[in-house]
Amino acid sequence: MKITAFLSSPAGQTVTRAEWARRSQVTRGYFSQLVLGKKRPSLQVAWDIEQATHGVVKMQDWVEAHVLSETEV
């Protein structure tokens, strides 16, 4: 699941985006850039997000999104 879909889901709305950033061990600003698609996470950050979301947003979701955007160019 993409991070934007997760944040719109009931599970994603249980806490603020600032709290999701904290749980993912990144700053609020960086988390916002990830959500907006302006940045891609490192493998470590992708893993931290997967752990913070209890596996709902998987590491592969970031890779698949990147591969798809690269093929569209």
N, C-alpha and C. Protein backbone atom coordinates (compact mmCIF):
# COMPACT_ATOMS: atom_id res chain seq x y z
N MET A 1 0.85 -1.17 0.00
CA MET A 1 0.00 0.00 0.00
C MET A 1 0.90 1.24 0.00
N LYS A 2 0.52 2.20 -0.78
CA LYS A 2 1.28 3.46 -0.79
C LYS A 2 1.04 4.22 0.51
N ILE A 3 2.01 5.03 0.86
CA ILE A 3 1.92 5.78 2.12
C ILE A 3 0.72 6.72 2.12
N THR A 4 0.38 7.31 0.98
CA THR A 4 -0.76 8.23 0.94
C THR A 4 -2.07 7.48 1.22
N ALA A 5 -2.19 6.27 0.66
CA ALA A 5 -3.39 5.47 0.91
C ALA A 5 -3.45 5.06 2.38
N PHE A 6 -2.30 4.70 2.94
CA PHE A 6 -2.26 4.32 4.35
C PHE A 6 -2.70 5.47 5.24
N LEU A 7 -2.17 6.66 4.97
CA LEU A 7 -2.50 7.81 5.81
C LEU A 7 -3.97 8.21 5.70
N SER A 8 -4.62 7.84 4.60
CA SER A 8 -6.04 8.13 4.43
C SER A 8 -6.93 7.05 5.05
N SER A 9 -6.33 5.91 5.36
CA SER A 9 -7.09 4.80 5.92
C SER A 9 -7.36 5.03 7.41
N PRO A 10 -8.32 4.32 7.96
CA PRO A 10 -8.59 4.44 9.40
C PRO A 10 -7.34 4.18 10.25
N ALA A 11 -6.55 3.17 9.87
CA ALA A 11 -5.33 2.87 10.65
C ALA A 11 -4.33 4.03 10.59
N GLY A 12 -4.23 4.65 9.43
CA GLY A 12 -3.29 5.76 9.27
C GLY A 12 -3.73 7.03 9.96
N GLN A 13 -5.01 7.13 10.24
CA GLN A 13 -5.54 8.34 10.86
C GLN A 13 -5.60 8.24 12.38
N THR A 14 -5.04 7.16 12.94
CA THR A 14 -5.08 7.00 14.39
C THR A 14 -4.16 7.98 15.11
N VAL A 15 -3.13 8.45 14.40
CA VAL A 15 -2.20 9.43 14.97
C VAL A 15 -1.87 10.47 13.92
N THR A 16 -1.22 11.54 14.32
CA THR A 16 -0.86 12.61 13.40
C THR A 16 0.29 12.20 12.48
N ARG A 17 0.47 12.95 11.42
CA ARG A 17 1.61 12.70 10.54
C ARG A 17 2.92 12.94 11.28
N ALA A 18 2.91 13.88 12.18
CA ALA A 18 4.11 14.13 12.98
C ALA A 18 4.47 12.88 13.79
N GLU A 19 3.46 12.21 14.31
CA GLU A 19 3.71 10.98 15.07
C GLU A 19 4.17 9.85 14.16
N TRP A 20 3.62 9.76 12.95
CA TRP A 20 4.09 8.74 12.01
C TRP A 20 5.54 9.01 11.65
N ALA A 21 5.91 10.27 11.48
CA ALA A 21 7.30 10.61 11.21
C ALA A 21 8.19 10.16 12.36
N ARG A 22 7.76 10.43 13.58
CA ARG A 22 8.56 10.04 14.75
C ARG A 22 8.71 8.52 14.80
N ARG A 23 7.62 7.82 14.57
CA ARG A 23 7.67 6.35 14.60
C ARG A 23 8.55 5.79 13.48
N SER A 24 8.65 6.53 12.39
CA SER A 24 9.47 6.11 11.26
C SER A 24 10.91 6.61 11.38
N GLN A 25 11.18 7.34 12.46
CA GLN A 25 12.51 7.83 12.78
C GLN A 25 13.05 8.83 11.75
N VAL A 26 12.15 9.69 11.25
CA VAL A 26 12.54 10.77 10.33
C VAL A 26 11.89 12.07 10.81
N THR A 27 12.35 13.18 10.26
CA THR A 27 11.76 14.47 10.62
C THR A 27 10.39 14.61 9.96
N ARG A 28 9.60 15.51 10.50
CA ARG A 28 8.28 15.78 9.91
C ARG A 28 8.42 16.27 8.47
N GLY A 29 9.40 17.13 8.24
CA GLY A 29 9.60 17.67 6.89
C GLY A 29 9.96 16.60 5.89
N TYR A 30 10.86 15.72 6.27
CA TYR A 30 11.26 14.63 5.38
C TYR A 30 10.09 13.69 5.13
N PHE A 31 9.33 13.40 6.18
CA PHE A 31 8.15 12.54 6.03
C PHE A 31 7.17 13.17 5.05
N SER A 32 6.96 14.46 5.16
CA SER A 32 6.06 15.15 4.23
C SER A 32 6.55 15.03 2.79
N GLN A 33 7.86 15.15 2.60
CA GLN A 33 8.41 15.01 1.24
C GLN A 33 8.22 13.60 0.71
N LEU A 34 8.32 12.61 1.57
CA LEU A 34 8.05 11.22 1.16
C LEU A 34 6.60 11.06 0.74
N VAL A 35 5.70 11.61 1.55
CA VAL A 35 4.27 11.49 1.27
C VAL A 35 3.92 12.18 -0.05
N LEU A 36 4.54 13.32 -0.31
CA LEU A 36 4.27 14.07 -1.54
C LEU A 36 4.98 13.49 -2.76
N GLY A 37 5.84 12.50 -2.54
CA GLY A 37 6.58 11.90 -3.65
C GLY A 37 7.78 12.71 -4.10
N LYS A 38 8.18 13.69 -3.32
CA LYS A 38 9.33 14.52 -3.67
C LYS A 38 10.65 13.84 -3.32
N LYS A 39 10.60 12.89 -2.41
CA LYS A 39 11.79 12.13 -2.00
C LYS A 39 11.44 10.66 -1.99
N ARG A 40 12.48 9.83 -2.12
CA ARG A 40 12.34 8.39 -1.94
C ARG A 40 13.16 8.00 -0.72
N PRO A 41 12.66 7.10 0.08
CA PRO A 41 13.39 6.73 1.30
C PRO A 41 14.57 5.82 1.01
N SER A 42 15.54 5.87 1.89
CA SER A 42 16.61 4.88 1.86
C SER A 42 16.00 3.54 2.25
N LEU A 43 16.77 2.48 2.07
CA LEU A 43 16.26 1.17 2.48
C LEU A 43 15.96 1.13 3.97
N GLN A 44 16.82 1.78 4.77
CA GLN A 44 16.60 1.79 6.21
C GLN A 44 15.30 2.51 6.56
N VAL A 45 15.07 3.66 5.94
CA VAL A 45 13.84 4.42 6.22
C VAL A 45 12.62 3.64 5.72
N ALA A 46 12.73 3.01 4.56
CA ALA A 46 11.61 2.19 4.06
C ALA A 46 11.31 1.07 5.04
N TRP A 47 12.35 0.46 5.61
CA TRP A 47 12.17 -0.59 6.61
C TRP A 47 11.52 -0.02 7.87
N ASP A 48 11.98 1.15 8.31
CA ASP A 48 11.41 1.78 9.50
C ASP A 48 9.93 2.10 9.31
N ILE A 49 9.57 2.54 8.11
CA ILE A 49 8.16 2.83 7.82
C ILE A 49 7.34 1.54 7.81
N GLU A 50 7.91 0.48 7.24
CA GLU A 50 7.21 -0.81 7.25
C GLU A 50 6.96 -1.26 8.68
N GLN A 51 7.96 -1.11 9.53
CA GLN A 51 7.80 -1.51 10.93
C GLN A 51 6.78 -0.61 11.64
N ALA A 52 6.85 0.70 11.39
CA ALA A 52 5.93 1.64 12.05
C ALA A 52 4.48 1.40 11.65
N THR A 53 4.27 0.96 10.40
CA THR A 53 2.90 0.73 9.92
C THR A 53 2.49 -0.74 10.08
N HIS A 54 3.28 -1.49 10.83
CA HIS A 54 3.00 -2.91 11.07
C HIS A 54 2.87 -3.69 9.77
N GLY A 55 3.71 -3.35 8.79
CA GLY A 55 3.77 -4.09 7.54
C GLY A 55 2.76 -3.69 6.49
N VAL A 56 1.96 -2.68 6.78
CA VAL A 56 0.96 -2.27 5.79
C VAL A 56 1.63 -1.56 4.61
N VAL A 57 2.53 -0.64 4.89
CA VAL A 57 3.32 0.00 3.84
C VAL A 57 4.65 -0.75 3.79
N LYS A 58 4.84 -1.53 2.75
CA LYS A 58 6.01 -2.40 2.65
C LYS A 58 7.17 -1.70 1.94
N MET A 59 8.37 -2.20 2.21
CA MET A 59 9.55 -1.67 1.53
C MET A 59 9.38 -1.73 0.01
N GLN A 60 8.82 -2.84 -0.47
CA GLN A 60 8.64 -3.03 -1.91
C GLN A 60 7.74 -1.97 -2.53
N ASP A 61 6.81 -1.43 -1.76
CA ASP A 61 5.90 -0.42 -2.29
C ASP A 61 6.67 0.79 -2.79
N TRP A 62 7.76 1.15 -2.11
CA TRP A 62 8.57 2.30 -2.54
C TRP A 62 9.34 1.96 -3.81
N VAL A 63 9.85 0.74 -3.90
CA VAL A 63 10.63 0.33 -5.08
C VAL A 63 9.72 0.24 -6.29
N GLU A 64 8.55 -0.39 -6.13
CA GLU A 64 7.62 -0.52 -7.24
C GLU A 64 7.18 0.84 -7.75
N ALA A 65 6.95 1.78 -6.85
CA ALA A 65 6.54 3.12 -7.28
C ALA A 65 7.64 3.78 -8.08
N HIS A 66 8.89 3.60 -7.66
CA HIS A 66 10.02 4.20 -8.36
C HIS A 66 10.20 3.56 -9.74
N VAL A 67 10.11 2.24 -9.83
CA VAL A 67 10.28 1.54 -11.10
C VAL A 67 9.20 1.97 -12.08
N LEU A 68 7.96 2.07 -11.60
CA LEU A 68 6.88 2.50 -12.48
C LEU A 68 7.10 3.91 -13.00
N SER A 69 7.55 4.82 -12.14
CA SER A 69 7.76 6.20 -12.59
C SER A 69 8.92 6.28 -13.57
N GLU A 70 9.94 5.44 -13.40
CA GLU A 70 11.08 5.41 -14.32
C GLU A 70 10.65 4.91 -15.70
N THR A 71 9.75 3.96 -15.79
CA THR A 71 9.33 3.41 -17.07
C THR A 71 8.38 4.35 -17.80
N GLU A 72 7.76 5.27 -17.06
CA GLU A 72 6.83 6.20 -17.68
C GLU A 72 7.54 7.36 -18.36
N VAL A 73 8.81 7.55 -18.07
CA VAL A 73 9.58 8.69 -18.62
C VAL A 73 9.91 8.46 -20.05
